């Protein structure tokens, strides 16, 4: 293997990665190994299943553009009460996400996909990173996307697994670096220019997790000393879209495509730890979610 794409998590901001992959594809960069966390695990698994073609990327773009929050986070007052009283492990069911995954991937094992796939999760008991490379693909992605308290944990082979955004990103990069010559990191970024602070429990939890992911990725890139060359794709900035707002998929894809294409045309000379700067947490004055700037 020579090239790996590593997709971070980020809820609705996972649409950004579709634009990044499209630009990479047009520049002749394709992955031999796909690695995904949370929303990024969905993107990685889809590409491992259907390939990195114009047709598959068109379909993935349409899927993200048509996705609604209620599909993933369907509000059920009854379930919420059960969660509050300790009779459910999460406020939302994984039913909607499972239905989406089955429609896009079918019933398939990770080892039977067209390209190698690694799905990043976190062991809820120990806190250790658990990288899945075999077994049922659907349950692996559900585990990787299971925001604690928001979506239910997944039991696999005696382990209870939750969102891979809590995992050790440095460990993931080091592990991948032993298998390939080049790593392309595709971060979703975080909303650095939200028009207002999230007010719902879901919005607060998802936004906080994206901040944690971005911070962890930045630290891991700054400390990266692996044998593979590391290329960090530029996250969108300023970004005023909440990770639970799925109404901007098409614009996120378009902006990410433009930003990544520009990066590929004129990449930075220093592709080492200094790249961590583009992942640093920061803020802007509130801006429109449709801002054309990157």
Protein backbone atom coordinates (compact mmCIF):
# COMPACT_ATOMS: atom_id res chain seq x y z
CA UNK A 1 0.00 0.00 0.00
CA UNK A 2 1.20 3.53 -0.71
CA UNK A 3 -1.56 6.03 0.18
CA UNK A 4 -4.05 6.23 3.05
CA UNK A 5 -6.94 8.65 3.47
CA UNK A 6 -7.72 9.31 7.14
CA UNK A 7 -11.20 10.79 7.69
CA UNK A 8 -11.92 12.48 11.02
CA UNK A 9 -15.34 12.73 12.65
CA UNK A 10 -17.58 15.78 12.71
CA UNK A 11 -21.28 15.01 12.30
CA UNK A 12 -22.86 16.99 9.45
CA UNK A 13 -19.43 18.47 8.69
CA UNK A 14 -18.54 15.08 7.19
CA UNK A 15 -19.89 16.56 3.95
CA UNK A 16 -16.65 18.56 3.76
CA UNK A 17 -14.70 15.36 3.14
CA UNK A 18 -16.66 14.59 -0.02
CA UNK A 19 -15.43 17.81 -1.60
CA UNK A 20 -11.88 17.02 -0.48
CA UNK A 21 -11.96 13.54 -2.01
CA UNK A 22 -13.38 14.88 -5.28
CA UNK A 23 -10.48 17.34 -5.58
CA UNK A 24 -7.97 14.62 -4.72
CA UNK A 25 -9.53 12.30 -7.30
CA UNK A 26 -9.27 14.96 -10.02
CA UNK A 27 -5.58 15.35 -9.15
CA UNK A 28 -4.98 11.63 -9.50
CA UNK A 29 -4.68 10.91 -5.77
CA UNK A 30 -6.49 7.74 -4.69
CA UNK A 31 -6.36 5.78 -1.46
CA UNK A 32 -5.12 2.23 -1.09
CA UNK A 33 -6.20 2.24 2.57
CA UNK A 34 -9.21 4.05 4.04
CA UNK A 35 -9.42 4.99 7.72
CA UNK A 36 -12.50 6.59 9.24
CA UNK A 37 -13.89 7.93 12.49
CA UNK A 38 -17.59 8.64 13.15
CA UNK A 39 -19.02 10.52 10.13
CA UNK A 40 -15.65 9.96 8.47
CA UNK A 41 -16.12 6.22 8.95
CA UNK A 42 -19.29 6.42 6.86
CA UNK A 43 -17.40 8.21 4.07
CA UNK A 44 -14.44 5.83 4.27
CA UNK A 45 -16.66 2.75 4.22
CA UNK A 46 -18.67 4.05 1.28
CA UNK A 47 -15.50 4.59 -0.76
CA UNK A 48 -14.14 1.20 0.29
CA UNK A 49 -17.39 -0.36 -0.93
CA UNK A 50 -18.05 1.60 -4.12
CA UNK A 51 -14.63 2.91 -5.15
CA UNK A 52 -13.37 6.43 -5.79
CA UNK A 53 -15.00 7.21 -9.13
CA UNK A 54 -16.88 10.20 -10.49
CA UNK A 55 -20.11 8.20 -10.25
CA UNK A 56 -19.58 7.11 -6.65
CA UNK A 57 -18.60 10.62 -5.57
CA UNK A 58 -21.65 12.07 -7.32
CA UNK A 59 -23.85 9.65 -5.40
CA UNK A 60 -22.13 10.39 -2.10
CA UNK A 61 -22.54 14.13 -2.74
CA UNK A 62 -26.26 13.70 -3.35
CA UNK A 63 -26.60 11.59 -0.22
CA UNK A 64 -25.00 14.26 1.97
CA UNK A 65 -26.94 17.08 0.28
CA UNK A 66 -30.26 15.33 0.93
CA UNK A 67 -29.56 14.21 4.50
CA UNK A 68 -31.73 15.63 7.29
CA UNK A 69 -31.03 15.86 11.00
CA UNK A 70 -34.18 13.90 11.81
CA UNK A 71 -32.76 10.95 9.86
CA UNK A 72 -29.93 10.59 12.38
CA UNK A 73 -31.31 12.31 15.46
CA UNK A 74 -35.02 11.52 15.52
CA UNK A 75 -36.61 12.99 18.62
CA UNK A 76 -38.64 10.53 20.70
CA UNK A 77 -39.97 11.98 23.99
CA UNK A 78 -40.58 8.46 25.28
CA UNK A 79 -36.97 7.43 24.68
CA UNK A 80 -35.73 10.66 26.23
CA UNK A 81 -37.64 9.89 29.43
CA UNK A 82 -36.25 6.35 29.48
CA UNK A 83 -32.72 7.73 29.01
CA UNK A 84 -33.18 10.17 31.87
CA UNK A 85 -34.38 7.38 34.16
CA UNK A 86 -31.47 5.10 33.31
CA UNK A 87 -33.40 2.65 31.14
CA UNK A 88 -31.76 3.60 27.84
CA UNK A 89 -28.07 4.31 27.22
CA UNK A 90 -28.71 7.27 24.90
CA UNK A 91 -31.24 9.97 24.09
CA UNK A 92 -31.49 8.90 20.44
CA UNK A 93 -31.88 5.54 18.76
CA UNK A 94 -29.42 4.40 16.09
CA UNK A 95 -32.30 3.17 13.92
CA UNK A 96 -32.13 6.02 11.39
CA UNK A 97 -28.36 5.82 10.99
CA UNK A 98 -28.51 2.04 10.64
CA UNK A 99 -31.14 2.34 7.89
CA UNK A 100 -28.95 4.83 6.04
CA UNK A 101 -25.87 2.62 6.34
CA UNK A 102 -27.69 -0.48 5.14
CA UNK A 103 -29.01 1.42 2.12
CA UNK A 104 -25.55 2.71 1.17
CA UNK A 105 -23.39 -0.29 2.07
CA UNK A 106 -25.60 -3.36 2.26
CA UNK A 107 -24.81 -6.35 4.44
CA UNK A 108 -21.04 -6.62 4.16
CA UNK A 109 -18.03 -7.48 6.30
CA UNK A 110 -15.15 -5.04 6.49
CA UNK A 111 -12.72 -7.62 5.12
CA UNK A 112 -14.93 -8.15 2.05
CA UNK A 113 -14.90 -4.52 0.92
CA UNK A 114 -13.10 -3.62 -2.30
CA UNK A 115 -10.41 -1.69 -0.41
CA UNK A 116 -8.97 -2.15 3.07
CA UNK A 117 -10.87 -0.21 5.73
CA UNK A 118 -10.03 0.64 9.33
CA UNK A 119 -12.83 1.96 11.56
CA UNK A 120 -11.73 3.88 14.64
CA UNK A 121 -13.71 3.45 17.87
CA UNK A 122 -13.12 3.85 21.60
CA UNK A 123 -13.52 1.15 24.23
CA UNK A 124 -15.94 2.63 26.76
CA UNK A 125 -14.60 0.62 29.70
CA UNK A 126 -10.89 1.25 29.26
CA UNK A 127 -10.83 4.39 27.14
CA UNK A 128 -8.38 2.71 24.77
CA UNK A 129 -8.50 3.15 21.02
CA UNK A 130 -10.05 0.18 19.22
CA UNK A 131 -9.43 -0.01 15.48
CA UNK A 132 -11.73 -2.46 13.68
CA UNK A 133 -10.51 -4.16 10.50
CA UNK A 134 -12.89 -7.11 10.24
CA UNK A 135 -16.43 -8.15 11.04
CA UNK A 136 -19.74 -6.50 10.32
CA UNK A 137 -19.21 -3.07 8.73
CA UNK A 138 -22.53 -1.60 9.85
CA UNK A 139 -22.03 -2.23 13.57
CA UNK A 140 -18.45 -0.95 13.32
CA UNK A 141 -19.60 2.38 11.88
CA UNK A 142 -22.44 2.63 14.39
CA UNK A 143 -19.88 2.18 17.15
CA UNK A 144 -17.53 4.77 15.65
CA UNK A 145 -20.40 7.30 15.48
CA UNK A 146 -21.86 6.60 18.95
CA UNK A 147 -21.51 9.97 20.68
CA UNK A 148 -21.71 9.04 24.38
CA UNK A 149 -25.17 9.71 25.77
CA UNK A 150 -26.46 10.78 22.35
CA UNK A 151 -26.32 7.55 20.30
CA UNK A 152 -26.15 4.06 21.84
CA UNK A 153 -22.84 2.22 22.42
CA UNK A 154 -22.27 -0.94 20.39
CA UNK A 155 -21.24 -4.28 21.84
CA UNK A 156 -18.77 -6.26 19.72
CA UNK A 157 -16.89 -9.34 20.86
CA UNK A 158 -17.23 -8.52 24.54
CA UNK A 159 -16.28 -4.85 24.20
CA UNK A 160 -18.57 -1.83 24.52
CA UNK A 161 -17.55 0.69 21.87
CA UNK A 162 -18.34 4.39 21.40
CA UNK A 163 -17.35 7.33 19.20
CA UNK A 164 -13.87 7.20 17.71
CA UNK A 165 -13.57 10.95 18.20
CA UNK A 166 -12.47 10.15 21.75
CA UNK A 167 -9.66 7.91 20.49
CA UNK A 168 -5.92 8.58 20.50
CA UNK A 169 -5.41 10.24 17.10
CA UNK A 170 -1.65 10.02 17.42
CA UNK A 171 -1.86 6.26 17.85
CA UNK A 172 -4.05 6.01 14.73
CA UNK A 173 -1.63 8.08 12.63
CA UNK A 174 1.38 6.09 13.84
CA UNK A 175 -0.35 2.79 13.10
CA UNK A 176 -1.37 3.87 9.61
CA UNK A 177 2.11 5.25 8.90
CA UNK A 178 3.54 1.75 9.27
CA UNK A 179 1.39 0.53 6.38
CA UNK A 180 1.67 3.26 3.73
CA UNK A 181 4.09 5.77 2.25
CA UNK A 182 1.74 8.77 2.32
CA UNK A 183 -1.14 9.82 4.57
CA UNK A 184 -3.76 12.36 3.55
CA UNK A 185 -5.60 13.62 6.64
CA UNK A 186 -9.11 14.88 5.83
CA UNK A 187 -10.40 16.84 8.86
CA UNK A 188 -13.98 18.04 8.99
CA UNK A 189 -12.87 21.06 10.98
CA UNK A 190 -14.96 22.73 13.65
CA UNK A 191 -17.43 25.60 13.61
CA UNK A 192 -15.17 28.55 14.39
CA UNK A 193 -17.80 31.15 13.44
CA UNK A 194 -21.14 29.92 14.77
CA UNK A 195 -23.81 32.66 14.77
CA UNK A 196 -24.70 31.65 18.34
CA UNK A 197 -23.60 29.24 21.05
CA UNK A 198 -25.44 25.89 20.76
CA UNK A 199 -28.40 25.70 23.13
CA UNK A 200 -29.68 22.14 22.83
CA UNK A 201 -28.03 19.22 24.60
CA UNK A 202 -27.42 17.61 21.22
CA UNK A 203 -25.88 20.75 19.76
CA UNK A 204 -23.64 21.32 22.76
CA UNK A 205 -22.43 17.72 22.86
CA UNK A 206 -21.72 17.51 19.12
CA UNK A 207 -19.95 20.88 18.97
CA UNK A 208 -17.85 20.07 22.02
CA UNK A 209 -16.83 16.76 20.46
CA UNK A 210 -15.73 18.43 17.21
CA UNK A 211 -13.61 20.84 19.26
CA UNK A 212 -12.07 17.88 21.07
CA UNK A 213 -11.37 16.11 17.78
CA UNK A 214 -9.82 19.20 16.20
CA UNK A 215 -7.64 19.80 19.23
CA UNK A 216 -6.55 16.15 19.32
CA UNK A 217 -5.74 16.12 15.62
CA UNK A 218 -3.70 19.29 15.93
CA UNK A 219 -1.65 17.87 18.79
CA UNK A 220 -1.15 14.57 16.97
CA UNK A 221 0.04 16.31 13.79
CA UNK A 222 2.41 18.54 15.78
CA UNK A 223 3.96 15.45 17.38
CA UNK A 224 3.91 13.25 14.28
CA UNK A 225 7.24 11.58 13.49
CA UNK A 226 6.01 8.57 11.50
CA UNK A 227 7.76 7.17 8.44
CA UNK A 228 4.96 8.11 6.02
CA UNK A 229 4.65 11.59 4.56
CA UNK A 230 1.69 13.40 6.14
CA UNK A 231 -0.49 15.83 4.17
CA UNK A 232 -3.16 17.75 6.08
CA UNK A 233 -6.04 18.99 3.92
CA UNK A 234 -7.20 22.49 4.87
CA UNK A 235 -10.43 22.58 6.91
CA UNK A 236 -12.98 25.22 5.99
CA UNK A 237 -12.53 28.57 7.71
CA UNK A 238 -14.49 30.56 8.71
CA UNK A 239 -17.17 27.95 9.28
CA UNK A 240 -20.55 28.78 10.77
CA UNK A 241 -22.31 25.41 10.51
CA UNK A 242 -23.18 23.30 13.55
CA UNK A 243 -22.22 19.61 13.33
CA UNK A 244 -25.91 18.75 13.84
CA UNK A 245 -27.13 21.06 11.05
CA UNK A 246 -27.48 18.95 7.91
CA UNK A 247 -29.00 21.68 5.71
CA UNK A 248 -25.72 22.90 4.19
CA UNK A 249 -24.30 19.68 2.72
CA UNK A 250 -24.08 20.90 -0.87
CA UNK A 251 -22.37 24.20 0.02
CA UNK A 252 -19.89 22.49 2.34
CA UNK A 253 -18.94 20.04 -0.42
CA UNK A 254 -18.46 22.87 -2.93
CA UNK A 255 -16.36 24.99 -0.57
CA UNK A 256 -14.18 22.05 0.45
CA UNK A 257 -13.61 21.10 -3.18
CA UNK A 258 -12.41 24.62 -4.01
CA UNK A 259 -10.16 24.86 -0.95
CA UNK A 260 -8.60 21.44 -1.52
CA UNK A 261 -8.09 22.00 -5.24
CA UNK A 262 -6.30 25.27 -4.46
CA UNK A 263 -4.14 23.49 -1.86
CA UNK A 264 -3.20 20.79 -4.35
CA UNK A 265 -2.26 23.37 -6.96
CA UNK A 266 -0.01 25.22 -4.50
CA UNK A 267 0.79 22.97 -1.52
CA UNK A 268 2.81 24.37 1.39
CA UNK A 269 6.52 23.66 1.28
CA UNK A 270 6.54 22.43 4.88
CA UNK A 271 4.38 19.34 5.21
CA UNK A 272 5.74 18.34 8.60
CA UNK A 273 4.49 19.10 12.12
CA UNK A 274 4.03 22.77 11.18
CA UNK A 275 0.80 21.70 9.44
CA UNK A 276 -0.78 21.49 12.89
CA UNK A 277 -1.34 25.24 12.66
CA UNK A 278 -4.26 24.83 10.27
CA UNK A 279 -5.99 22.66 12.90
CA UNK A 280 -5.50 25.04 15.83
CA UNK A 281 -8.65 26.00 17.73
CA UNK A 282 -9.66 29.62 17.14
CA UNK A 283 -12.74 31.77 16.65
CA UNK A 284 -14.16 34.40 14.32
CA UNK A 285 -16.99 36.85 14.41
CA UNK A 286 -20.23 35.03 13.49
CA UNK A 287 -20.50 34.54 9.75
CA UNK A 288 -22.96 33.15 7.26
CA UNK A 289 -22.95 29.38 6.85
CA UNK A 290 -22.85 30.02 3.12
CA UNK A 291 -19.77 32.23 3.22
CA UNK A 292 -17.73 31.61 0.03
CA UNK A 293 -14.44 32.21 1.84
CA UNK A 294 -12.31 29.25 2.88
